[in-house]
PDB file of N, CA and C in Angstrom:
ATOM      1  N   MET A   1      50.849  34.762 122.507  1.00  0.00           N
ATOM      2  CA  MET A   1      51.878  33.889 122.012  1.00  0.00           C
ATOM      3  C   MET A   1      53.124  34.715 121.705  1.00  0.00           C
ATOM      4  N   ARG A   2      54.282  34.173 122.078  1.00  0.00           N
ATOM      5  CA  ARG A   2      55.551  34.813 121.782  1.00  0.00           C
ATOM      6  C   ARG A   2      56.381  33.873 120.912  1.00  0.00           C
ATOM      7  N   ILE A   3      57.102  34.479 119.981  1.00  0.00           N
ATOM      8  CA  ILE A   3      58.013  33.729 119.133  1.00  0.00           C
ATOM      9  C   ILE A   3      59.322  34.505 119.067  1.00  0.00           C
ATOM     10  N   THR A   4      60.395  33.807 118.736  1.00  0.00           N
ATOM     11  CA  THR A   4      61.706  34.434 118.598  1.00  0.00           C
ATOM     12  C   THR A   4      62.224  34.173 117.199  1.00  0.00           C
ATOM     13  N   ILE A   5      62.737  35.220 116.573  1.00  0.00           N
ATOM     14  CA  ILE A   5      63.297  35.071 115.230  1.00  0.00           C
ATOM     15  C   ILE A   5      64.627  34.333 115.335  1.00  0.00           C
ATOM     16  N   ASP A   6      64.703  33.185 114.692  1.00  0.00           N
ATOM     17  CA  ASP A   6      65.930  32.400 114.665  1.00  0.00           C
ATOM     18  C   ASP A   6      66.842  32.876 113.535  1.00  0.00           C
ATOM     19  N   ARG A   7      66.252  33.067 112.354  1.00  0.00           N
ATOM     20  CA  ARG A   7      67.036  33.462 111.182  1.00  0.00           C
ATOM     21  C   ARG A   7      66.098  33.929 110.087  1.00  0.00           C
ATOM     22  N   PHE A   8      66.680  34.509 109.058  1.00  0.00           N
ATOM     23  CA  PHE A   8      65.918  34.909 107.878  1.00  0.00           C
ATOM     24  C   PHE A   8      66.325  34.027 106.710  1.00  0.00           C
ATOM     25  N   GLU A   9      65.354  33.597 105.957  1.00  0.00           N
ATOM     26  CA  GLU A   9      65.569  32.847 104.727  1.00  0.00           C
ATOM     27  C   GLU A   9      64.712  33.491 103.647  1.00  0.00           C
ATOM     28  N   GLU A  10      65.399  34.140 102.714  1.00  0.00           N
ATOM     29  CA  GLU A  10      64.736  34.884 101.647  1.00  0.00           C
ATOM     30  C   GLU A  10      63.736  35.871 102.224  1.00  0.00           C
ATOM     31  N   ASP A  11      62.460  35.748 101.919  1.00  0.00           N
ATOM     32  CA  ASP A  11      61.448  36.713 102.361  1.00  0.00           C
ATOM     33  C   ASP A  11      60.791  36.347 103.689  1.00  0.00           C
ATOM     34  N   TYR A  12      61.327  35.359 104.377  1.00  0.00           N
ATOM     35  CA  TYR A  12      60.685  34.876 105.601  1.00  0.00           C
ATOM     36  C   TYR A  12      61.632  34.881 106.795  1.00  0.00           C
ATOM     37  N   ALA A  13      61.049  35.095 107.954  1.00  0.00           N
ATOM     38  CA  ALA A  13      61.756  34.912 109.219  1.00  0.00           C
ATOM     39  C   ALA A  13      61.356  33.539 109.744  1.00  0.00           C
ATOM     40  N   VAL A  14      62.339  32.725 110.059  1.00  0.00           N
ATOM     41  CA  VAL A  14      62.077  31.426 110.672  1.00  0.00           C
ATOM     42  C   VAL A  14      62.081  31.669 112.172  1.00  0.00           C
ATOM     43  N   CYS A  15      60.955  31.376 112.813  1.00  0.00           N
ATOM     44  CA  CYS A  15      60.764  31.701 114.228  1.00  0.00           C
ATOM     45  C   CYS A  15      60.470  30.441 115.023  1.00  0.00           C
ATOM     46  N   GLU A  16      60.846  30.477 116.295  1.00  0.00           N
ATOM     47  CA  GLU A  16      60.565  29.385 117.221  1.00  0.00           C
ATOM     48  C   GLU A  16      59.620  29.862 118.300  1.00  0.00           C
ATOM     49  N   ASP A  17      58.784  28.932 118.789  1.00  0.00           N
ATOM     50  CA  ASP A  17      57.891  29.294 119.885  1.00  0.00           C
ATOM     51  C   ASP A  17      58.693  29.417 121.177  1.00  0.00           C
ATOM     52  N   GLU A  18      58.022  29.785 122.249  1.00  0.00           N
ATOM     53  CA  GLU A  18      58.690  30.057 123.524  1.00  0.00           C
ATOM     54  C   GLU A  18      59.479  28.870 124.071  1.00  0.00           C
ATOM     55  N   ARG A  19      59.007  27.677 123.806  1.00  0.00           N
ATOM     56  CA  ARG A  19      59.689  26.480 124.314  1.00  0.00           C
ATOM     57  C   ARG A  19      60.705  25.930 123.327  1.00  0.00           C
ATOM     58  N   GLY A  20      60.787  26.518 122.143  1.00  0.00           N
ATOM     59  CA  GLY A  20      61.720  26.041 121.135  1.00  0.00           C
ATOM     60  C   GLY A  20      61.299  24.730 120.509  1.00  0.00           C
ATOM     61  N   GLU A  21      60.019  24.400 120.623  1.00  0.00           N
ATOM     62  CA  GLU A  21      59.519  23.120 120.122  1.00  0.00           C
ATOM     63  C   GLU A  21      58.981  23.207 118.700  1.00  0.00           C
ATOM     64  N   ASN A  22      58.438  24.337 118.329  1.00  0.00           N
ATOM     65  CA  ASN A  22      57.806  24.475 117.023  1.00  0.00           C
ATOM     66  C   ASN A  22      58.379  25.672 116.283  1.00  0.00           C
ATOM     67  N   GLN A  23      58.475  25.523 114.973  1.00  0.00           N
ATOM     68  CA  GLN A  23      58.932  26.625 114.139  1.00  0.00           C
ATOM     69  C   GLN A  23      57.798  27.076 113.245  1.00  0.00           C
ATOM     70  N   ARG A  24      57.873  28.336 112.859  1.00  0.00           N
ATOM     71  CA  ARG A  24      56.916  28.877 111.900  1.00  0.00           C
ATOM     72  C   ARG A  24      57.632  29.926 111.070  1.00  0.00           C
ATOM     73  N   ALA A  25      57.161  30.128 109.872  1.00  0.00           N
ATOM     74  CA  ALA A  25      57.709  31.142 108.990  1.00  0.00           C
ATOM     75  C   ALA A  25      56.765  32.343 108.990  1.00  0.00           C
ATOM     76  N   VAL A  26      57.346  33.524 109.128  1.00  0.00           N
ATOM     77  CA  VAL A  26      56.573  34.765 109.102  1.00  0.00           C
ATOM     78  C   VAL A  26      57.174  35.629 107.996  1.00  0.00           C
ATOM     79  N   HIS A  27      56.336  36.100 107.102  1.00  0.00           N
ATOM     80  CA  HIS A  27      56.823  36.924 105.994  1.00  0.00           C
ATOM     81  C   HIS A  27      57.405  38.225 106.539  1.00  0.00           C
ATOM     82  N   ARG A  28      58.495  38.665 105.944  1.00  0.00           N
ATOM     83  CA  ARG A  28      59.160  39.899 106.388  1.00  0.00           C
ATOM     84  C   ARG A  28      58.208  41.095 106.400  1.00  0.00           C
ATOM     85  N   ARG A  29      57.302  41.141 105.435  1.00  0.00           N
ATOM     86  CA  ARG A  29      56.390  42.296 105.363  1.00  0.00           C
ATOM     87  C   ARG A  29      55.465  42.374 106.572  1.00  0.00           C
ATOM     88  N   ASP A  30      55.305  41.276 107.302  1.00  0.00           N
ATOM     89  CA  ASP A  30      54.438  41.250 108.474  1.00  0.00           C
ATOM     90  C   ASP A  30      55.174  41.596 109.768  1.00  0.00           C
ATOM     91  N   LEU A  31      56.482  41.811 109.676  1.00  0.00           N
ATOM     92  CA  LEU A  31      57.297  42.122 110.850  1.00  0.00           C
ATOM     93  C   LEU A  31      57.595  43.612 110.914  1.00  0.00           C
ATOM     94  N   PRO A  32      57.949  44.101 112.098  1.00  0.00           N
ATOM     95  CA  PRO A  32      58.429  45.484 112.177  1.00  0.00           C
ATOM     96  C   PRO A  32      59.668  45.625 111.281  1.00  0.00           C
ATOM     97  N   ALA A  33      59.840  46.772 110.673  1.00  0.00           N
ATOM     98  CA  ALA A  33      60.921  46.985 109.708  1.00  0.00           C
ATOM     99  C   ALA A  33      62.301  46.713 110.295  1.00  0.00           C
ATOM    100  N   HIS A  34      62.508  46.967 111.568  1.00  0.00           N
ATOM    101  CA  HIS A  34      63.823  46.820 112.182  1.00  0.00           C
ATOM    102  C   HIS A  34      64.009  45.486 112.922  1.00  0.00           C
ATOM    103  N   ALA A  35      63.101  44.533 112.722  1.00  0.00           N
ATOM    104  CA  ALA A  35      63.205  43.230 113.382  1.00  0.00           C
ATOM    105  C   ALA A  35      64.457  42.508 112.891  1.00  0.00           C
ATOM    106  N   LYS A  36      65.119  41.803 113.833  1.00  0.00           N
ATOM    107  CA  LYS A  36      66.338  41.083 113.489  1.00  0.00           C
ATOM    108  C   LYS A  36      66.364  39.736 114.212  1.00  0.00           C
ATOM    109  N   ALA A  37      67.291  38.884 113.789  1.00  0.00           N
ATOM    110  CA  ALA A  37      67.442  37.576 114.430  1.00  0.00           C
ATOM    111  C   ALA A  37      67.698  37.777 115.916  1.00  0.00           C
ATOM    112  N   GLY A  38      67.027  36.990 116.739  1.00  0.00           N
ATOM    113  CA  GLY A  38      67.160  37.089 118.190  1.00  0.00           C
ATOM    114  C   GLY A  38      66.042  37.876 118.847  1.00  0.00           C
ATOM    115  N   ASP A  39      65.297  38.645 118.070  1.00  0.00           N
ATOM    116  CA  ASP A  39      64.197  39.418 118.635  1.00  0.00           C
ATOM    117  C   ASP A  39      63.041  38.511 119.034  1.00  0.00           C
ATOM    118  N   THR A  40      62.454  38.802 120.187  1.00  0.00           N
ATOM    119  CA  THR A  40      61.245  38.113 120.626  1.00  0.00           C
ATOM    120  C   THR A  40      60.057  38.974 120.219  1.00  0.00           C
ATOM    121  N   LEU A  41      59.058  38.336 119.642  1.00  0.00           N
ATOM    122  CA  LEU A  41      57.889  39.033 119.126  1.00  0.00           C
ATOM    123  C   LEU A  41      56.621  38.551 119.816  1.00  0.00           C
ATOM    124  N   TYR A  42      55.638  39.431 119.868  1.00  0.00           N
ATOM    125  CA  TYR A  42      54.302  39.049 120.320  1.00  0.00           C
ATOM    126  C   TYR A  42      53.298  39.640 119.338  1.00  0.00           C
ATOM    127  N   PHE A  43      52.121  39.046 119.288  1.00  0.00           N
ATOM    128  CA  PHE A  43      51.093  39.473 118.347  1.00  0.00           C
ATOM    129  C   PHE A  43      50.034  40.255 119.111  1.00  0.00           C
ATOM    130  N   ALA A  44      49.826  41.510 118.714  1.00  0.00           N
ATOM    131  CA  ALA A  44      48.835  42.369 119.365  1.00  0.00           C
ATOM    132  C   ALA A  44      48.262  43.321 118.333  1.00  0.00           C
ATOM    133  N   ASN A  45      46.978  43.593 118.451  1.00  0.00           N
ATOM    134  CA  ASN A  45      46.309  44.525 117.537  1.00  0.00           C
ATOM    135  C   ASN A  45      46.547  44.163 116.070  1.00  0.00           C
ATOM    136  N   ASN A  46      46.528  42.862 115.809  1.00  0.00           N
ATOM    137  CA  ASN A  46      46.641  42.341 114.454  1.00  0.00           C
ATOM    138  C   ASN A  46      47.999  42.610 113.806  1.00  0.00           C
ATOM    139  N   GLN A  47      49.055  42.703 114.639  1.00  0.00           N
ATOM    140  CA  GLN A  47      50.396  42.891 114.083  1.00  0.00           C
ATOM    141  C   GLN A  47      51.448  42.320 115.028  1.00  0.00           C
ATOM    142  N   TRP A  48      52.612  41.988 114.478  1.00  0.00           N
ATOM    143  CA  TRP A  48      53.730  41.523 115.282  1.00  0.00           C
ATOM    144  C   TRP A  48      54.469  42.722 115.851  1.00  0.00           C
ATOM    145  N   CYS A  49      54.836  42.633 117.120  1.00  0.00           N
ATOM    146  CA  CYS A  49      55.548  43.700 117.814  1.00  0.00           C
ATOM    147  C   CYS A  49      56.773  43.096 118.494  1.00  0.00           C
ATOM    148  N   ILE A  50      57.842  43.876 118.596  1.00  0.00           N
ATOM    149  CA  ILE A  50      59.050  43.405 119.269  1.00  0.00           C
ATOM    150  C   ILE A  50      58.893  43.620 120.771  1.00  0.00           C
ATOM    151  N   ASP A  51      59.150  42.563 121.522  1.00  0.00           N
ATOM    152  CA  ASP A  51      59.154  42.636 122.983  1.00  0.00           C
ATOM    153  C   ASP A  51      60.586  42.970 123.398  1.00  0.00           C
ATOM    154  N   THR A  52      60.881  44.243 123.543  1.00  0.00           N
ATOM    155  CA  THR A  52      62.255  44.679 123.801  1.00  0.00           C
ATOM    156  C   THR A  52      62.785  44.175 125.145  1.00  0.00           C
ATOM    157  N   LYS A  53      61.923  44.104 126.149  1.00  0.00           N
ATOM    158  CA  LYS A  53      62.369  43.624 127.462  1.00  0.00           C
ATOM    159  C   LYS A  53      62.745  42.151 127.407  1.00  0.00           C
ATOM    160  N   GLU A  54      61.906  41.338 126.782  1.00  0.00           N
ATOM    161  CA  GLU A  54      62.202  39.906 126.678  1.00  0.00           C
ATOM    162  C   GLU A  54      63.389  39.656 125.762  1.00  0.00           C
ATOM    163  N   THR A  55      63.520  40.432 124.697  1.00  0.00           N
ATOM    164  CA  THR A  55      64.673  40.294 123.804  1.00  0.00           C
ATOM    165  C   THR A  55      65.960  40.565 124.575  1.00  0.00           C
ATOM    166  N   ALA A  56      65.984  41.621 125.378  1.00  0.00           N
ATOM    167  CA  ALA A  56      67.175  41.962 126.167  1.00  0.00           C
ATOM    168  C   ALA A  56      67.443  40.896 127.232  1.00  0.00           C
ATOM    169  N   ALA A  57      66.400  40.419 127.889  1.00  0.00           N
ATOM    170  CA  ALA A  57      66.563  39.398 128.922  1.00  0.00           C
ATOM    171  C   ALA A  57      67.091  38.100 128.319  1.00  0.00           C
ATOM    172  N   ARG A  58      66.591  37.746 127.152  1.00  0.00           N
ATOM    173  CA  ARG A  58      67.040  36.533 126.465  1.00  0.00           C
ATOM    174  C   ARG A  58      68.502  36.666 126.073  1.00  0.00           C
ATOM    175  N   ALA A  59      68.887  37.805 125.543  1.00  0.00           N
ATOM    176  CA  ALA A  59      70.283  38.038 125.158  1.00  0.00           C
ATOM    177  C   ALA A  59      71.197  37.940 126.382  1.00  0.00           C
ATOM    178  N   GLU A  60      70.757  38.470 127.505  1.00  0.00           N
ATOM    179  CA  GLU A  60      71.556  38.396 128.732  1.00  0.00           C
ATOM    180  C   GLU A  60      71.715  36.954 129.201  1.00  0.00           C
ATOM    181  N   ARG A  61      70.638  36.174 129.137  1.00  0.00           N
ATOM    182  CA  ARG A  61      70.714  34.758 129.539  1.00  0.00           C
ATOM    183  C   ARG A  61      71.708  34.010 128.655  1.00  0.00           C
ATOM    184  N   ILE A  62      71.658  34.272 127.366  1.00  0.00           N
ATOM    185  CA  ILE A  62      72.567  33.603 126.422  1.00  0.00           C
ATOM    186  C   ILE A  62      74.007  34.018 126.695  1.00  0.00           C
ATOM    187  N   ASN A  63      74.247  35.316 126.901  1.00  0.00           N
ATOM    188  CA  ASN A  63      75.603  35.789 127.201  1.00  0.00           C
ATOM    189  C   ASN A  63      76.138  35.170 128.481  1.00  0.00           C
ATOM    190  N   ASN A  64      75.286  35.033 129.495  1.00  0.00           N
ATOM    191  CA  ASN A  64      75.704  34.399 130.751  1.00  0.00           C
ATOM    192  C   ASN A  64      76.084  32.941 130.533  1.00  0.00           C
ATOM    193  N   LEU A  65      75.324  32.232 129.706  1.00  0.00           N
ATOM    194  CA  LEU A  65      75.653  30.834 129.409  1.00  0.00           C
ATOM    195  C   LEU A  65      76.999  30.731 128.701  1.00  0.00           C
ATOM    196  N   PHE A  66      77.238  31.602 127.722  1.00  0.00           N
ATOM    197  CA  PHE A  66      78.517  31.589 127.023  1.00  0.00           C
ATOM    198  C   PHE A  66      79.664  31.893 127.976  1.00  0.00           C
ATOM    199  N   SER A  67      79.455  32.815 128.877  1.00  0.00           N
ATOM    200  CA  SER A  67      80.500  33.139 129.862  1.00  0.00           C
ATOM    201  C   SER A  67      80.830  31.936 130.732  1.00  0.00           C
ATOM    202  N   LYS A  68      79.809  31.214 131.165  1.00  0.00           N
ATOM    203  CA  LYS A  68      80.028  30.020 131.974  1.00  0.00           C
ATOM    204  C   LYS A  68      80.803  28.973 131.198  1.00  0.00           C
ATOM    205  N   ILE A  69      80.468  28.798 129.934  1.00  0.00           N
ATOM    206  CA  ILE A  69      81.157  27.815 129.096  1.00  0.00           C
ATOM    207  C   ILE A  69      82.614  28.215 128.916  1.00  0.00           C
ATOM    208  N   LYS A  70      82.864  29.498 128.666  1.00  0.00           N
ATOM    209  CA  LYS A  70      84.244  29.971 128.501  1.00  0.00           C
ATOM    210  C   LYS A  70      85.063  29.729 129.756  1.00  0.00           C
ATOM    211  N   ARG A  71      84.487  30.039 130.915  1.00  0.00           N
ATOM    212  CA  ARG A  71      85.194  29.853 132.185  1.00  0.00           C
ATOM    213  C   ARG A  71      85.491  28.377 132.428  1.00  0.00           C
ATOM    214  N   ARG A  72      84.573  27.534 132.046  1.00  0.00           N
ATOM    215  CA  ARG A  72      84.761  26.102 132.263  1.00  0.00           C
ATOM    216  C   ARG A  72      85.850  25.547 131.340  1.00  0.00           C
ATOM    217  N   ASN A  73      85.944  26.061 130.132  1.00  0.00           N
ATOM    218  CA  ASN A  73      86.923  25.565 129.165  1.00  0.00           C
ATOM    219  C   ASN A  73      88.272  26.248 129.268  1.00  0.00           C
ATOM    220  N   HIS A  74      88.326  27.412 129.898  1.00  0.00           N
ATOM    221  CA  HIS A  74      89.581  28.164 130.054  1.00  0.00           C
ATOM    222  C   HIS A  74      89.718  28.664 131.484  1.00  0.00           C
ATOM    223  N   PRO A  75      90.115  27.760 132.385  1.00  0.00           N
ATOM    224  CA  PRO A  75      90.202  28.153 133.801  1.00  0.00           C
ATOM    225  C   PRO A  75      91.253  29.201 134.081  1.00  0.00           C
TER     226      PRO A  75
END
């Protein structure tokens, strides 16, 4: 299972599943110390780990979408 950190609220990370359909809260103490909003995580060996490749790919997809929107609104 993969989840993406949407935001932090107090001691919890609010995360969405891969399809963006369900949210769950994960306590900060259960995350890697350097986890941040936008990171994609997977659960392995009884701990959450950052999927750096998927995080980078997701960021690139989002940046491409923003670029398309900018071009469409500012020809």
